Amino acid sequence: MIVRDATPDDLGEIAALIRELAEFEQLAHEVVWDVDGLGDQLFGPDAVPRVLLVEVDGRVGGMALWFPTFSTFLGRSGIWLEDLFVRAELRGNGAGRALIQALRDRTDGRVEWNVLDWNERAIGFYESLGARPLGGWTTYRWTP
């Protein structure tokens, strides 16, 4: 199993993983990007998000799409994990753990993310890592 930074050559695979994630979350109707635009956002000169890929037996099996954050209270940068996705046939083999560990290794600050309330398997996985839900915070979204 190999965890590596994605390159522009991985764009097709990343696009497929995002679509698979959206289908799993029953949100496929919300995927509105085109591949070229996605590529510009991920790999263009002003790109903010970053992608880690996990390969199992030479095949891309999952991704962690993330971006840096900053905590004014800690006075250091951290990571916001936007999407963690492992293909169904590879779940339970350590691929998700390898991706999360690779993120943890990139910062001495916080690693934070959201999880859907109904995704009990993911919640169990995150809690097995020692992660805990934050109480007292409500996620807001302001869309154009």
Protein backbone atom coordinates (compact mmCIF):
# COMPACT_ATOMS: atom_id res chain seq x y z
CA MET A 1 0.00 0.00 0.00
CA ILE A 2 1.38 3.39 -1.04
CA VAL A 3 0.09 6.86 -0.08
CA ARG A 4 1.25 9.62 -2.40
CA ASP A 5 0.45 13.14 -3.50
CA ALA A 6 -1.76 13.31 -6.56
CA THR A 7 -0.44 14.81 -9.79
CA PRO A 8 -2.28 16.30 -12.77
CA ASP A 9 -1.99 12.87 -14.43
CA ASP A 10 -4.35 11.56 -11.72
CA LEU A 11 -7.19 13.94 -12.58
CA GLY A 12 -9.37 11.30 -14.23
CA GLU A 13 -9.01 8.99 -11.26
CA ILE A 14 -9.75 11.80 -8.80
CA ALA A 15 -12.86 12.77 -10.77
CA ALA A 16 -14.05 9.15 -10.67
CA LEU A 17 -13.44 8.92 -6.92
CA ILE A 18 -15.40 12.14 -6.29
CA ARG A 19 -18.31 10.80 -8.34
CA GLU A 20 -18.21 7.49 -6.45
CA LEU A 21 -18.20 9.38 -3.15
CA ALA A 22 -21.16 11.51 -4.24
CA GLU A 23 -23.11 8.40 -5.21
CA PHE A 24 -22.31 6.75 -1.86
CA GLU A 25 -23.50 9.87 -0.01
CA GLN A 26 -26.62 10.03 -2.21
CA LEU A 27 -25.53 13.46 -3.45
CA ALA A 28 -24.57 12.75 -7.07
CA HIS A 29 -26.96 15.50 -8.19
CA GLU A 30 -24.71 18.05 -6.45
CA VAL A 31 -21.64 17.27 -8.56
CA VAL A 32 -21.65 20.14 -11.06
CA TRP A 33 -18.02 20.63 -12.07
CA ASP A 34 -16.46 19.76 -15.40
CA VAL A 35 -13.15 17.90 -15.40
CA ASP A 36 -11.11 20.79 -16.82
CA GLY A 37 -12.42 23.18 -14.18
CA LEU A 38 -11.74 20.63 -11.46
CA GLY A 39 -8.20 20.24 -12.77
CA ASP A 40 -7.66 23.99 -12.61
CA GLN A 41 -8.85 24.09 -9.01
CA LEU A 42 -6.72 21.11 -7.93
CA PHE A 43 -3.56 21.71 -9.93
CA GLY A 44 -3.66 25.27 -11.27
CA PRO A 45 -1.28 28.03 -10.18
CA ASP A 46 -3.61 29.21 -7.38
CA ALA A 47 -4.72 25.76 -6.23
CA VAL A 48 -5.66 25.50 -2.57
CA PRO A 49 -6.93 21.93 -2.19
CA ARG A 50 -4.55 19.01 -2.21
CA VAL A 51 -5.14 15.34 -2.81
CA LEU A 52 -3.50 12.25 -1.38
CA LEU A 53 -4.10 8.96 -3.14
CA VAL A 54 -3.70 5.48 -1.74
CA GLU A 55 -2.65 2.72 -4.12
CA VAL A 56 -3.25 -0.93 -3.39
CA ASP A 57 -1.61 -3.46 -5.70
CA GLY A 58 -0.88 -0.69 -8.22
CA ARG A 59 -4.49 0.54 -8.36
CA VAL A 60 -5.82 3.77 -6.88
CA GLY A 61 -8.10 2.71 -4.07
CA GLY A 62 -9.01 5.97 -2.38
CA MET A 63 -8.26 9.59 -1.68
CA ALA A 64 -8.07 12.28 0.94
CA LEU A 65 -8.90 15.73 -0.45
CA TRP A 66 -7.73 18.38 2.01
CA PHE A 67 -6.53 21.91 2.47
CA PRO A 68 -4.51 23.79 5.09
CA THR A 69 -6.22 25.72 7.87
CA PHE A 70 -5.02 27.91 10.70
CA SER A 71 -5.99 27.95 14.37
CA THR A 72 -5.64 31.33 16.06
CA PHE A 73 -5.88 29.61 19.45
CA LEU A 74 -3.11 27.12 18.72
CA GLY A 75 -1.10 29.59 16.66
CA ARG A 76 -0.36 26.96 14.04
CA SER A 77 -1.67 25.51 10.84
CA GLY A 78 -3.78 22.40 10.58
CA ILE A 79 -5.72 20.44 8.02
CA TRP A 80 -9.35 20.40 6.95
CA LEU A 81 -10.19 17.02 5.45
CA GLU A 82 -12.88 17.78 2.90
CA ASP A 83 -13.30 14.23 1.60
CA LEU A 84 -11.99 10.85 2.63
CA PHE A 85 -13.09 8.06 0.34
CA VAL A 86 -11.99 4.47 -0.10
CA ARG A 87 -13.52 2.30 -2.78
CA ALA A 88 -15.98 -0.25 -1.38
CA GLU A 89 -13.91 -3.31 -2.27
CA LEU A 90 -10.92 -1.95 -0.35
CA ARG A 91 -12.64 -0.79 2.83
CA GLY A 92 -11.38 -2.45 5.97
CA ASN A 93 -7.89 -3.15 4.64
CA GLY A 94 -6.13 -0.13 6.17
CA ALA A 95 -6.35 2.25 3.20
CA GLY A 96 -8.41 4.84 5.09
CA ARG A 97 -6.13 4.59 8.11
CA ALA A 98 -3.08 5.10 5.88
CA LEU A 99 -4.61 8.24 4.35
CA ILE A 100 -5.56 9.70 7.74
CA GLN A 101 -2.12 8.91 9.16
CA ALA A 102 -0.46 10.61 6.19
CA LEU A 103 -2.48 13.75 6.99
CA ARG A 104 -1.63 13.54 10.69
CA ASP A 105 2.05 13.33 9.74
CA ARG A 106 1.77 16.62 7.81
CA THR A 107 0.79 18.79 10.77
CA ASP A 108 1.25 19.18 14.48
CA GLY A 109 -2.04 21.11 14.51
CA ARG A 110 -5.62 19.98 14.19
CA VAL A 111 -7.00 17.60 11.59
CA GLU A 112 -10.73 18.22 11.31
CA TRP A 113 -13.62 17.03 9.14
CA ASN A 114 -17.37 16.46 8.98
CA VAL A 115 -19.12 13.12 8.84
CA LEU A 116 -22.70 12.38 7.86
CA ASP A 117 -24.80 11.35 10.86
CA TRP A 118 -26.03 8.19 9.13
CA ASN A 119 -22.56 6.93 8.20
CA GLU A 120 -22.10 4.71 11.23
CA ARG A 121 -19.23 2.76 9.70
CA ALA A 122 -17.24 5.96 9.17
CA ILE A 123 -18.08 7.20 12.67
CA GLY A 124 -16.86 3.92 14.14
CA PHE A 125 -13.68 4.14 12.08
CA TYR A 126 -12.95 7.72 13.17
CA GLU A 127 -13.60 6.89 16.80
CA SER A 128 -11.27 3.87 16.55
CA LEU A 129 -8.54 6.38 15.66
CA GLY A 130 -9.25 8.36 18.80
CA ALA A 131 -11.15 11.16 17.04
CA ARG A 132 -14.22 12.54 18.78
CA PRO A 133 -17.14 14.69 17.62
CA LEU A 134 -17.15 18.35 18.62
CA GLY A 135 -20.09 19.38 20.74
CA GLY A 136 -21.51 22.85 20.75
CA TRP A 137 -20.68 23.70 17.14
CA THR A 138 -23.11 23.91 14.24
CA THR A 139 -21.93 23.82 10.64
CA TYR A 140 -23.21 26.69 8.50
CA ARG A 141 -23.04 26.98 4.74
CA TRP A 142 -23.41 30.12 2.67
CA THR A 143 -23.73 29.33 -1.02
CA PRO A 144 -23.85 31.69 -4.00
